[in-house]
Amino acid sequence: MYVLSIIIESVGLVVGSVVLAGSLCWLAFTFAVWLHHTRWAPFLVVILLPIVPLSSLNQSEFARLSAICVLVGALFLWLFSGADRAPPHIGGE
């Protein structure tokens, strides 16, 4: 029974961290769209990350795992938030 509670707690920790990171990235992207600068979304997310180590939240497993998930989400935002740009022309005019 003890092992089952550890497994359930771990799954809840991972799922909660991913949901929190996804929500934060979505909010940053929505705010960046509102500002008409979608390329700013990953930077808005990364600006919030120094709050975790500077506060007492760095002792929490949830906060640390959420920060890692937010970094991965910021990477995806950085890679895919410029999808509205026109592709470069190859060859001719």
Protein backbone atom coordinates (compact mmCIF):
# COMPACT_ATOMS: atom_id res chain seq x y z
CA MET A 1 0.00 0.00 0.00
CA TYR A 2 2.89 2.33 0.76
CA VAL A 3 4.37 1.80 -2.72
CA LEU A 4 1.02 2.58 -4.31
CA SER A 5 0.81 5.91 -2.45
CA ILE A 6 4.33 6.82 -3.61
CA ILE A 7 3.40 6.04 -7.22
CA ILE A 8 0.18 8.07 -7.02
CA GLU A 9 2.01 10.99 -5.41
CA SER A 10 4.71 10.93 -8.11
CA VAL A 11 2.19 10.81 -10.95
CA GLY A 12 0.26 13.68 -9.38
CA LEU A 13 3.45 15.69 -9.02
CA VAL A 14 4.43 15.22 -12.66
CA VAL A 15 0.93 15.82 -14.06
CA GLY A 16 0.43 18.90 -11.88
CA SER A 17 3.79 20.33 -12.89
CA VAL A 18 3.10 19.82 -16.59
CA VAL A 19 -0.37 21.39 -16.27
CA LEU A 20 1.06 24.38 -14.40
CA ALA A 21 3.84 24.82 -16.96
CA GLY A 22 1.41 24.54 -19.85
CA SER A 23 -0.91 27.08 -18.27
CA LEU A 24 1.93 29.52 -17.67
CA CYS A 25 3.17 29.16 -21.26
CA TRP A 26 -0.36 29.60 -22.58
CA LEU A 27 -0.83 32.75 -20.50
CA ALA A 28 2.51 34.14 -21.68
CA PHE A 29 1.64 33.42 -25.31
CA THR A 30 -1.81 34.99 -24.92
CA PHE A 31 -0.27 38.09 -23.36
CA ALA A 32 2.33 38.25 -26.14
CA VAL A 33 -0.41 38.03 -28.77
CA TRP A 34 -2.25 40.82 -26.98
CA LEU A 35 0.96 42.87 -27.25
CA HIS A 36 1.26 41.88 -30.96
CA HIS A 37 4.73 40.39 -30.33
CA THR A 38 4.41 36.61 -30.29
CA ARG A 39 8.19 36.19 -30.24
CA TRP A 40 8.25 37.70 -26.72
CA ALA A 41 6.33 34.79 -25.17
CA PRO A 42 9.35 32.63 -24.20
CA PHE A 43 11.11 35.63 -22.68
CA LEU A 44 8.03 36.48 -20.61
CA VAL A 45 8.11 32.95 -19.22
CA VAL A 46 11.84 32.98 -18.51
CA ILE A 47 11.58 36.34 -16.71
CA LEU A 48 9.37 34.68 -14.07
CA LEU A 49 11.71 31.76 -13.37
CA PRO A 50 14.21 33.54 -11.04
CA ILE A 51 11.39 33.86 -8.52
CA VAL A 52 11.70 30.16 -7.62
CA PRO A 53 15.34 30.08 -6.42
CA LEU A 54 15.10 33.50 -4.77
CA SER A 55 12.14 32.48 -2.64
CA SER A 56 11.66 29.67 -0.20
CA LEU A 57 9.93 27.67 -2.95
CA ASN A 58 13.20 26.03 -4.01
CA GLN A 59 12.72 23.42 -1.25
CA SER A 60 9.52 22.15 -2.87
CA GLU A 61 9.69 19.26 -5.33
CA PHE A 62 6.61 20.62 -7.10
CA ALA A 63 8.20 24.05 -7.62
CA ARG A 64 11.47 22.59 -8.91
CA LEU A 65 9.75 20.18 -11.31
CA SER A 66 7.43 22.95 -12.48
CA ALA A 67 10.42 25.20 -13.18
CA ILE A 68 12.01 22.47 -15.31
CA CYS A 69 8.75 21.94 -17.21
CA VAL A 70 8.43 25.70 -17.74
CA LEU A 71 11.94 25.79 -19.23
CA VAL A 72 10.97 23.05 -21.67
CA GLY A 73 7.76 24.94 -22.48
CA ALA A 74 9.74 28.13 -23.07
CA LEU A 75 11.95 26.22 -25.48
CA PHE A 76 8.89 25.06 -27.41
CA LEU A 77 7.49 28.61 -27.40
CA TRP A 78 10.78 29.92 -28.73
CA LEU A 79 10.86 27.33 -31.51
CA PHE A 80 7.22 27.55 -32.58
CA SER A 81 6.00 31.07 -31.74
CA GLY A 82 7.44 32.43 -34.99
CA ALA A 83 5.32 30.14 -37.14
CA ASP A 84 3.40 33.14 -38.51
CA ARG A 85 6.52 34.38 -40.31
CA ALA A 86 6.76 33.88 -44.07
CA PRO A 87 9.12 31.11 -45.13
CA PRO A 88 12.30 32.22 -46.91
CA HIS A 89 12.32 32.06 -50.69
CA ILE A 90 14.46 29.35 -52.16
CA GLY A 91 15.90 29.92 -55.58
CA GLY A 92 14.15 32.43 -57.91
CA GLU A 93 12.48 35.69 -57.17
